[in-house]
Each structure stands twice: as structure tokens, then as C-alpha cells.
PDB file of N, CA and C in Angstrom:
ATOM      1  N   MET A   1       0.840  -1.183   0.000  1.00  0.00           N
ATOM      2  CA  MET A   1       0.000   0.000   0.000  1.00  0.00           C
ATOM      3  C   MET A   1       0.877   1.236   0.000  1.00  0.00           C
ATOM      4  N   GLY A   2       0.585   2.187  -0.869  1.00  0.00           N
ATOM      5  CA  GLY A   2       1.318   3.448  -0.888  1.00  0.00           C
ATOM      6  C   GLY A   2       0.803   4.377   0.191  1.00  0.00           C
ATOM      7  N   TYR A   3       1.664   5.224   0.637  1.00  0.00           N
ATOM      8  CA  TYR A   3       1.273   6.205   1.650  1.00  0.00           C
ATOM      9  C   TYR A   3       1.173   7.556   0.976  1.00  0.00           C
ATOM     10  N   LYS A   4       0.021   7.833   0.357  1.00  0.00           N
ATOM     11  CA  LYS A   4      -0.134   9.069  -0.391  1.00  0.00           C
ATOM     12  C   LYS A   4      -0.197  10.282   0.526  1.00  0.00           C
ATOM     13  N   MET A   5      -0.440  10.073   1.819  1.00  0.00           N
ATOM     14  CA  MET A   5      -0.539  11.209   2.721  1.00  0.00           C
ATOM     15  C   MET A   5       0.823  11.673   3.221  1.00  0.00           C
ATOM     16  N   ILE A   6       1.894  10.956   2.858  1.00  0.00           N
ATOM     17  CA  ILE A   6       3.247  11.386   3.235  1.00  0.00           C
ATOM     18  C   ILE A   6       3.934  11.916   1.987  1.00  0.00           C
ATOM     19  N   LYS A   7       4.382  13.154   2.075  1.00  0.00           N
ATOM     20  CA  LYS A   7       5.084  13.773   0.955  1.00  0.00           C
ATOM     21  C   LYS A   7       6.455  14.222   1.444  1.00  0.00           C
ATOM     22  N   ILE A   8       7.465  13.943   0.645  1.00  0.00           N
ATOM     23  CA  ILE A   8       8.822  14.378   0.964  1.00  0.00           C
ATOM     24  C   ILE A   8       8.997  15.777   0.372  1.00  0.00           C
ATOM     25  N   GLU A   9       9.347  16.733   1.230  1.00  0.00           N
ATOM     26  CA  GLU A   9       9.467  18.125   0.795  1.00  0.00           C
ATOM     27  C   GLU A   9      10.832  18.687   1.174  1.00  0.00           C
ATOM     28  N   ASN A  10      11.204  19.715   0.465  1.00  0.00           N
ATOM     29  CA  ASN A  10      12.462  20.407   0.709  1.00  0.00           C
ATOM     30  C   ASN A  10      12.197  21.575   1.653  1.00  0.00           C
ATOM     31  N   ASP A  11      12.620  21.450   2.906  1.00  0.00           N
ATOM     32  CA  ASP A  11      12.456  22.518   3.900  1.00  0.00           C
ATOM     33  C   ASP A  11      13.712  23.375   4.037  1.00  0.00           C
ATOM     34  N   CYS A  12      14.684  23.130   3.191  1.00  0.00           N
ATOM     35  CA  CYS A  12      15.969  23.808   3.313  1.00  0.00           C
ATOM     36  C   CYS A  12      15.906  25.230   2.771  1.00  0.00           C
ATOM     37  N   SER A  13      16.548  26.114   3.470  1.00  0.00           N
ATOM     38  CA  SER A  13      16.678  27.487   2.976  1.00  0.00           C
ATOM     39  C   SER A  13      18.137  27.944   3.031  1.00  0.00           C
ATOM     40  N   CYS A  14      19.043  26.999   3.323  1.00  0.00           N
ATOM     41  CA  CYS A  14      20.432  27.413   3.513  1.00  0.00           C
ATOM     42  C   CYS A  14      21.454  26.577   2.757  1.00  0.00           C
ATOM     43  N   CYS A  15      21.048  25.585   1.997  1.00  0.00           N
ATOM     44  CA  CYS A  15      22.021  24.663   1.399  1.00  0.00           C
ATOM     45  C   CYS A  15      22.970  25.340   0.417  1.00  0.00           C
ATOM     46  N   GLU A  16      22.561  26.452  -0.167  1.00  0.00           N
ATOM     47  CA  GLU A  16      23.494  27.170  -1.035  1.00  0.00           C
ATOM     48  C   GLU A  16      24.685  27.664  -0.226  1.00  0.00           C
ATOM     49  N   ARG A  17      24.465  27.915   1.048  1.00  0.00           N
ATOM     50  CA  ARG A  17      25.550  28.403   1.907  1.00  0.00           C
ATOM     51  C   ARG A  17      26.257  27.268   2.641  1.00  0.00           C
ATOM     52  N   CYS A  18      25.475  26.325   3.223  1.00  0.00           N
ATOM     53  CA  CYS A  18      26.098  25.335   4.113  1.00  0.00           C
ATOM     54  C   CYS A  18      26.409  24.001   3.437  1.00  0.00           C
ATOM     55  N   GLY A  19      25.796  23.728   2.317  1.00  0.00           N
ATOM     56  CA  GLY A  19      26.080  22.478   1.625  1.00  0.00           C
ATOM     57  C   GLY A  19      25.044  21.405   1.849  1.00  0.00           C
ATOM     58  N   ASN A  20      24.782  21.025   3.091  1.00  0.00           N
ATOM     59  CA  ASN A  20      23.771  20.000   3.354  1.00  0.00           C
ATOM     60  C   ASN A  20      23.339  20.078   4.812  1.00  0.00           C
ATOM     61  N   CYS A  21      22.203  20.705   5.048  1.00  0.00           N
ATOM     62  CA  CYS A  21      21.710  20.869   6.423  1.00  0.00           C
ATOM     63  C   CYS A  21      20.840  19.696   6.863  1.00  0.00           C
ATOM     64  N   GLY A  22      20.474  18.794   5.951  1.00  0.00           N
ATOM     65  CA  GLY A  22      19.623  17.658   6.302  1.00  0.00           C
ATOM     66  C   GLY A  22      18.140  17.932   6.151  1.00  0.00           C
ATOM     67  N   ALA A  23      17.789  19.135   5.698  1.00  0.00           N
ATOM     68  CA  ALA A  23      16.365  19.485   5.573  1.00  0.00           C
ATOM     69  C   ALA A  23      15.877  19.431   4.128  1.00  0.00           C
ATOM     70  N   LYS A  24      16.639  18.805   3.243  1.00  0.00           N
ATOM     71  CA  LYS A  24      16.226  18.749   1.835  1.00  0.00           C
ATOM     72  C   LYS A  24      15.151  17.698   1.588  1.00  0.00           C
ATOM     73  N   ARG A  25      15.110  16.649   2.384  1.00  0.00           N
ATOM     74  CA  ARG A  25      14.119  15.569   2.197  1.00  0.00           C
ATOM     75  C   ARG A  25      13.436  15.293   3.528  1.00  0.00           C
ATOM     76  N   VAL A  26      12.447  16.125   3.839  1.00  0.00           N
ATOM     77  CA  VAL A  26      11.736  16.035   5.119  1.00  0.00           C
ATOM     78  C   VAL A  26      10.328  15.507   4.861  1.00  0.00           C
ATOM     79  N   PRO A  27       9.922  14.430   5.555  1.00  0.00           N
ATOM     80  CA  PRO A  27       8.550  13.932   5.359  1.00  0.00           C
ATOM     81  C   PRO A  27       7.524  14.858   6.021  1.00  0.00           C
ATOM     82  N   HIS A  28       6.459  15.141   5.285  1.00  0.00           N
ATOM     83  CA  HIS A  28       5.326  15.904   5.790  1.00  0.00           C
ATOM     84  C   HIS A  28       4.102  15.011   5.645  1.00  0.00           C
ATOM     85  N   VAL A  29       3.209  15.039   6.615  1.00  0.00           N
ATOM     86  CA  VAL A  29       2.034  14.168   6.615  1.00  0.00           C
ATOM     87  C   VAL A  29       0.789  15.028   6.415  1.00  0.00           C
ATOM     88  N   TYR A  30      -0.086  14.559   5.506  1.00  0.00           N
ATOM     89  CA  TYR A  30      -1.298  15.280   5.163  1.00  0.00           C
ATOM     90  C   TYR A  30      -2.512  14.352   5.301  1.00  0.00           C
ATOM     91  N   CYS A  31      -3.643  14.931   5.666  1.00  0.00           N
ATOM     92  CA  CYS A  31      -4.907  14.197   5.714  1.00  0.00           C
ATOM     93  C   CYS A  31      -5.369  13.955   4.282  1.00  0.00           C
ATOM     94  N   ASP A  32      -5.769  12.713   3.979  1.00  0.00           N
ATOM     95  CA  ASP A  32      -6.279  12.409   2.640  1.00  0.00           C
ATOM     96  C   ASP A  32      -7.648  13.032   2.389  1.00  0.00           C
ATOM     97  N   GLY A  33      -8.354  13.399   3.447  1.00  0.00           N
ATOM     98  CA  GLY A  33      -9.683  13.990   3.279  1.00  0.00           C
ATOM     99  C   GLY A  33      -9.641  15.465   2.937  1.00  0.00           C
ATOM    100  N   CYS A  34      -9.038  16.258   3.802  1.00  0.00           N
ATOM    101  CA  CYS A  34      -9.040  17.714   3.622  1.00  0.00           C
ATOM    102  C   CYS A  34      -7.737  18.237   3.036  1.00  0.00           C
ATOM    103  N   GLY A  35      -6.688  17.413   3.044  1.00  0.00           N
ATOM    104  CA  GLY A  35      -5.414  17.841   2.481  1.00  0.00           C
ATOM    105  C   GLY A  35      -4.570  18.694   3.405  1.00  0.00           C
ATOM    106  N   ALA A  36      -5.036  18.909   4.634  1.00  0.00           N
ATOM    107  CA  ALA A  36      -4.287  19.740   5.575  1.00  0.00           C
ATOM    108  C   ALA A  36      -3.088  18.973   6.128  1.00  0.00           C
ATOM    109  N   GLU A  37      -1.998  19.690   6.350  1.00  0.00           N
ATOM    110  CA  GLU A  37      -0.834  19.066   6.974  1.00  0.00           C
ATOM    111  C   GLU A  37      -1.150  18.818   8.443  1.00  0.00           C
ATOM    112  N   VAL A  38      -0.742  17.667   8.945  1.00  0.00           N
ATOM    113  CA  VAL A  38      -0.979  17.332  10.343  1.00  0.00           C
ATOM    114  C   VAL A  38       0.356  17.204  11.060  1.00  0.00           C
ATOM    115  N   SER A  39       0.351  17.525  12.331  1.00  0.00           N
ATOM    116  CA  SER A  39       1.585  17.466  13.113  1.00  0.00           C
ATOM    117  C   SER A  39       1.895  16.024  13.493  1.00  0.00           C
ATOM    118  N   GLY A  40       3.091  15.798  13.968  1.00  0.00           N
ATOM    119  CA  GLY A  40       3.541  14.456  14.312  1.00  0.00           C
ATOM    120  C   GLY A  40       2.761  13.802  15.428  1.00  0.00           C
ATOM    121  N   ASP A  41       2.118  14.592  16.280  1.00  0.00           N
ATOM    122  CA  ASP A  41       1.353  14.003  17.377  1.00  0.00           C
ATOM    123  C   ASP A  41      -0.149  13.952  17.076  1.00  0.00           C
ATOM    124  N   SER A  42      -0.537  14.277  15.842  1.00  0.00           N
ATOM    125  CA  SER A  42      -1.946  14.201  15.446  1.00  0.00           C
ATOM    126  C   SER A  42      -2.317  12.759  15.133  1.00  0.00           C
ATOM    127  N   LYS A  43      -3.546  12.410  15.450  1.00  0.00           N
ATOM    128  CA  LYS A  43      -4.038  11.054  15.191  1.00  0.00           C
ATOM    129  C   LYS A  43      -4.621  11.000  13.783  1.00  0.00           C
ATOM    130  N   LEU A  44      -4.225   9.979  13.019  1.00  0.00           N
ATOM    131  CA  LEU A  44      -4.816   9.696  11.713  1.00  0.00           C
ATOM    132  C   LEU A  44      -5.484   8.333  11.789  1.00  0.00           C
ATOM    133  N   ILE A  45      -6.648   8.225  11.179  1.00  0.00           N
ATOM    134  CA  ILE A  45      -7.411   6.990  11.220  1.00  0.00           C
ATOM    135  C   ILE A  45      -7.507   6.446   9.797  1.00  0.00           C
ATOM    136  N   ARG A  46      -7.203   5.167   9.616  1.00  0.00           N
ATOM    137  CA  ARG A  46      -7.231   4.550   8.295  1.00  0.00           C
ATOM    138  C   ARG A  46      -8.625   4.034   7.981  1.00  0.00           C
ATOM    139  N   ILE A  47      -9.152   4.459   6.832  1.00  0.00           N
ATOM    140  CA  ILE A  47     -10.427   3.968   6.328  1.00  0.00           C
ATOM    141  C   ILE A  47     -10.089   3.048   5.165  1.00  0.00           C
ATOM    142  N   VAL A  48     -10.462   1.786   5.283  1.00  0.00           N
ATOM    143  CA  VAL A  48     -10.145   0.799   4.260  1.00  0.00           C
ATOM    144  C   VAL A  48     -11.326   0.719   3.299  1.00  0.00           C
ATOM    145  N   GLY A  49     -11.051   0.995   2.032  1.00  0.00           N
ATOM    146  CA  GLY A  49     -12.098   0.965   1.021  1.00  0.00           C
ATOM    147  C   GLY A  49     -11.901  -0.182   0.054  1.00  0.00           C
ATOM    148  N   ALA A  50     -12.877  -0.377  -0.812  1.00  0.00           N
ATOM    149  CA  ALA A  50     -12.810  -1.459  -1.785  1.00  0.00           C
ATOM    150  C   ALA A  50     -11.698  -1.212  -2.797  1.00  0.00           C
ATOM    151  N   ASN A  51     -11.529   0.023  -3.227  1.00  0.00           N
ATOM    152  CA  ASN A  51     -10.531   0.342  -4.246  1.00  0.00           C
ATOM    153  C   ASN A  51      -9.308   1.057  -3.692  1.00  0.00           C
ATOM    154  N   ASP A  52      -9.456   1.727  -2.568  1.00  0.00           N
ATOM    155  CA  ASP A  52      -8.374   2.553  -2.057  1.00  0.00           C
ATOM    156  C   ASP A  52      -8.550   2.757  -0.556  1.00  0.00           C
ATOM    157  N   ASP A  53      -7.464   3.067   0.098  1.00  0.00           N
ATOM    158  CA  ASP A  53      -7.500   3.393   1.522  1.00  0.00           C
ATOM    159  C   ASP A  53      -7.321   4.899   1.682  1.00  0.00           C
ATOM    160  N   ALA A  54      -7.763   5.419   2.809  1.00  0.00           N
ATOM    161  CA  ALA A  54      -7.568   6.835   3.108  1.00  0.00           C
ATOM    162  C   ALA A  54      -7.180   6.964   4.575  1.00  0.00           C
ATOM    163  N   TRP A  55      -6.299   7.892   4.842  1.00  0.00           N
ATOM    164  CA  TRP A  55      -5.912   8.240   6.202  1.00  0.00           C
ATOM    165  C   TRP A  55      -6.525   9.604   6.496  1.00  0.00           C
ATOM    166  N   LEU A  56      -7.413   9.650   7.499  1.00  0.00           N
ATOM    167  CA  LEU A  56      -8.169  10.859   7.788  1.00  0.00           C
ATOM    168  C   LEU A  56      -7.817  11.441   9.150  1.00  0.00           C
ATOM    169  N   CYS A  57      -7.843  12.781   9.234  1.00  0.00           N
ATOM    170  CA  CYS A  57      -7.705  13.443  10.529  1.00  0.00           C
ATOM    171  C   CYS A  57      -9.017  13.235  11.290  1.00  0.00           C
ATOM    172  N   GLU A  58      -9.030  13.593  12.548  1.00  0.00           N
ATOM    173  CA  GLU A  58     -10.218  13.342  13.370  1.00  0.00           C
ATOM    174  C   GLU A  58     -11.438  14.116  12.871  1.00  0.00           C
ATOM    175  N   ASP A  59     -11.239  15.352  12.372  1.00  0.00           N
ATOM    176  CA  ASP A  59     -12.368  16.127  11.845  1.00  0.00           C
ATOM    177  C   ASP A  59     -12.966  15.459  10.611  1.00  0.00           C
ATOM    178  N   CYS A  60     -12.105  15.019   9.688  1.00  0.00           N
ATOM    179  CA  CYS A  60     -12.597  14.352   8.479  1.00  0.00           C
ATOM    180  C   CYS A  60     -13.238  13.010   8.810  1.00  0.00           C
ATOM    181  N   LEU A  61     -12.696  12.311   9.810  1.00  0.00           N
ATOM    182  CA  LEU A  61     -13.311  11.049  10.221  1.00  0.00           C
ATOM    183  C   LEU A  61     -14.733  11.300  10.715  1.00  0.00           C
ATOM    184  N   ALA A  62     -14.925  12.336  11.526  1.00  0.00           N
ATOM    185  CA  ALA A  62     -16.262  12.643  12.039  1.00  0.00           C
ATOM    186  C   ALA A  62     -17.218  12.945  10.889  1.00  0.00           C
ATOM    187  N   GLU A  63     -16.754  13.699   9.880  1.00  0.00           N
ATOM    188  CA  GLU A  63     -17.598  13.991   8.718  1.00  0.00           C
ATOM    189  C   GLU A  63     -17.913  12.718   7.938  1.00  0.00           C
ATOM    190  N   TRP A  64     -16.915  11.845   7.779  1.00  0.00           N
ATOM    191  CA  TRP A  64     -17.123  10.603   7.041  1.00  0.00           C
ATOM    192  C   TRP A  64     -18.140   9.712   7.759  1.00  0.00           C
ATOM    193  N   VAL A  65     -17.979   9.559   9.074  1.00  0.00           N
ATOM    194  CA  VAL A  65     -18.907   8.732   9.853  1.00  0.00           C
ATOM    195  C   VAL A  65     -20.324   9.289   9.730  1.00  0.00           C
ATOM    196  N   GLU A  66     -20.448  10.598   9.805  1.00  0.00           N
ATOM    197  CA  GLU A  66     -21.768  11.234   9.677  1.00  0.00           C
ATOM    198  C   GLU A  66     -22.376  10.944   8.306  1.00  0.00           C
ATOM    199  N   SER A  67     -21.540  10.862   7.279  1.00  0.00           N
ATOM    200  CA  SER A  67     -22.050  10.652   5.920  1.00  0.00           C
ATOM    201  C   SER A  67     -22.457   9.200   5.642  1.00  0.00           C
ATOM    202  N   VAL A  68     -21.972   8.254   6.412  1.00  0.00           N
ATOM    203  CA  VAL A  68     -22.263   6.844   6.130  1.00  0.00           C
ATOM    204  C   VAL A  68     -23.114   6.176   7.211  1.00  0.00           C
ATOM    205  N   THR A  69     -23.596   6.946   8.151  1.00  0.00           N
ATOM    206  CA  THR A  69     -24.405   6.371   9.226  1.00  0.00           C
ATOM    207  C   THR A  69     -25.728   7.117   9.361  1.00  0.00           C
ATOM    208  N   VAL A  70     -26.656   6.477  10.034  1.00  0.00           N
ATOM    209  CA  VAL A  70     -27.946   7.079  10.362  1.00  0.00           C
ATOM    210  C   VAL A  70     -28.070   7.056  11.875  1.00  0.00           C
ATOM    211  N   THR A  71     -28.454   8.178  12.447  1.00  0.00           N
ATOM    212  CA  THR A  71     -28.602   8.280  13.898  1.00  0.00           C
ATOM    213  C   THR A  71     -30.084   8.438  14.223  1.00  0.00           C
ATOM    214  N   THR A  72     -30.527   7.700  15.220  1.00  0.00           N
ATOM    215  CA  THR A  72     -31.918   7.800  15.655  1.00  0.00           C
ATOM    216  C   THR A  72     -31.986   7.517  17.150  1.00  0.00           C
ATOM    217  N   TYR A  73     -33.152   7.670  17.709  1.00  0.00           N
ATOM    218  CA  TYR A  73     -33.368   7.372  19.123  1.00  0.00           C
ATOM    219  C   TYR A  73     -34.047   6.004  19.244  1.00  0.00           C
ATOM    220  N   ALA A  74     -33.800   5.303  20.319  1.00  0.00           N
ATOM    221  CA  ALA A  74     -34.392   3.982  20.546  1.00  0.00           C
ATOM    222  C   ALA A  74     -35.917   4.064  20.531  1.00  0.00           C
ATOM    223  N   ALA A  75     -36.470   5.111  21.127  1.00  0.00           N
ATOM    224  CA  ALA A  75     -37.929   5.260  21.164  1.00  0.00           C
ATOM    225  C   ALA A  75     -38.503   5.369  19.753  1.00  0.00           C
ATOM    226  N   ASP A  76     -37.787   6.042  18.859  1.00  0.00           N
ATOM    227  CA  ASP A  76     -38.250   6.151  17.474  1.00  0.00           C
ATOM    228  C   ASP A  76     -38.244   4.790  16.782  1.00  0.00           C
ATOM    229  N   LEU A  77     -37.242   3.971  17.060  1.00  0.00           N
ATOM    230  CA  LEU A  77     -37.193   2.625  16.489  1.00  0.00           C
ATOM    231  C   LEU A  77     -38.364   1.780  16.970  1.00  0.00           C
ATOM    232  N   VAL A  78     -38.694   1.901  18.240  1.00  0.00           N
ATOM    233  CA  VAL A  78     -39.821   1.140  18.796  1.00  0.00           C
ATOM    234  C   VAL A  78     -41.108   1.590  18.135  1.00  0.00           C
ATOM    235  N   ARG A  79     -41.300   2.923  17.968  1.00  0.00           N
ATOM    236  CA  ARG A  79     -42.513   3.437  17.300  1.00  0.00           C
ATOM    237  C   ARG A  79     -42.590   2.928  15.863  1.00  0.00           C
ATOM    238  N   GLU A  80     -41.468   2.903  15.160  1.00  0.00           N
ATOM    239  CA  GLU A  80     -41.423   2.394  13.791  1.00  0.00           C
ATOM    240  C   GLU A  80     -41.829   0.924  13.744  1.00  0.00           C
ATOM    241  N   MET A  81     -41.290   0.164  14.693  1.00  0.00           N
ATOM    242  CA  MET A  81     -41.583  -1.270  14.744  1.00  0.00           C
ATOM    243  C   MET A  81     -43.082  -1.487  14.961  1.00  0.00           C
ATOM    244  N   HIS A  82     -43.670  -0.720  15.883  1.00  0.00           N
ATOM    245  CA  HIS A  82     -45.088  -0.865  16.160  1.00  0.00           C
ATOM    246  C   HIS A  82     -45.932  -0.403  14.973  1.00  0.00           C
ATOM    247  N   ALA A  83     -45.502   0.604  14.268  1.00  0.00           N
ATOM    248  CA  ALA A  83     -46.251   1.104  13.103  1.00  0.00           C
ATOM    249  C   ALA A  83     -46.255   0.061  11.995  1.00  0.00           C
ATOM    250  N   GLU A  84     -45.176  -0.695  11.841  1.00  0.00           N
ATOM    251  CA  GLU A  84     -45.106  -1.734  10.818  1.00  0.00           C
ATOM    252  C   GLU A  84     -45.997  -2.920  11.178  1.00  0.00           C
ATOM    253  N   ASP A  85     -46.234  -3.161  12.474  1.00  0.00           N
ATOM    254  CA  ASP A  85     -47.070  -4.274  12.920  1.00  0.00           C
ATOM    255  C   ASP A  85     -48.549  -4.028  12.661  1.00  0.00           C
ATOM    256  N   VAL A  86     -48.927  -2.770  12.535  1.00  0.00           N
ATOM    257  CA  VAL A  86     -50.349  -2.426  12.400  1.00  0.00           C
ATOM    258  C   VAL A  86     -50.840  -2.626  11.001  1.00  0.00           C
TER     259      VAL A  86
END
């Protein structure tokens, strides 16, 4: 599996002067949902799909869960069940 949310970027601003500061190939991590860069201590959650996987930040995960689920109250389910029996 490829890690599309990790991009190697050049953070160097001094190599013309110093030669090699070690910041030319720095990994940066991005949310696959919103594309925002996330810090090293941020939680990413893997969503496994049929064709592709995605690593989402907590905000995007909440939006994804909201988009694929239905929320209701237990009392409403009971009323629905009784309405179907009639």
C-alpha cells in the first residue's frame, strides 16, 4: 500500500551556503480527506475501502462517519416497529 498522505518536501533554505543541512528531504504528513498538513502528534485513522484506503484526521473522520451512518433514538425505532405491525 502506498502512503499518499506522506510527501517528501524540501524545507531547506540554507544549502546554497552550508552544503547540506539535512532538511532537503523532510517527510510531511497530510490528511487524505481535507489535504491539511498534520503534526507528528496528530491522530490519523485509516479507512479501508474497496478500491483505495484513506488516512483521515479526526475532523474528516467525524464527517465521514456522519455521511455513512444514520442516527436515531431507541424510542423512534420502537414506534417504527409498532407502526409496521399495524
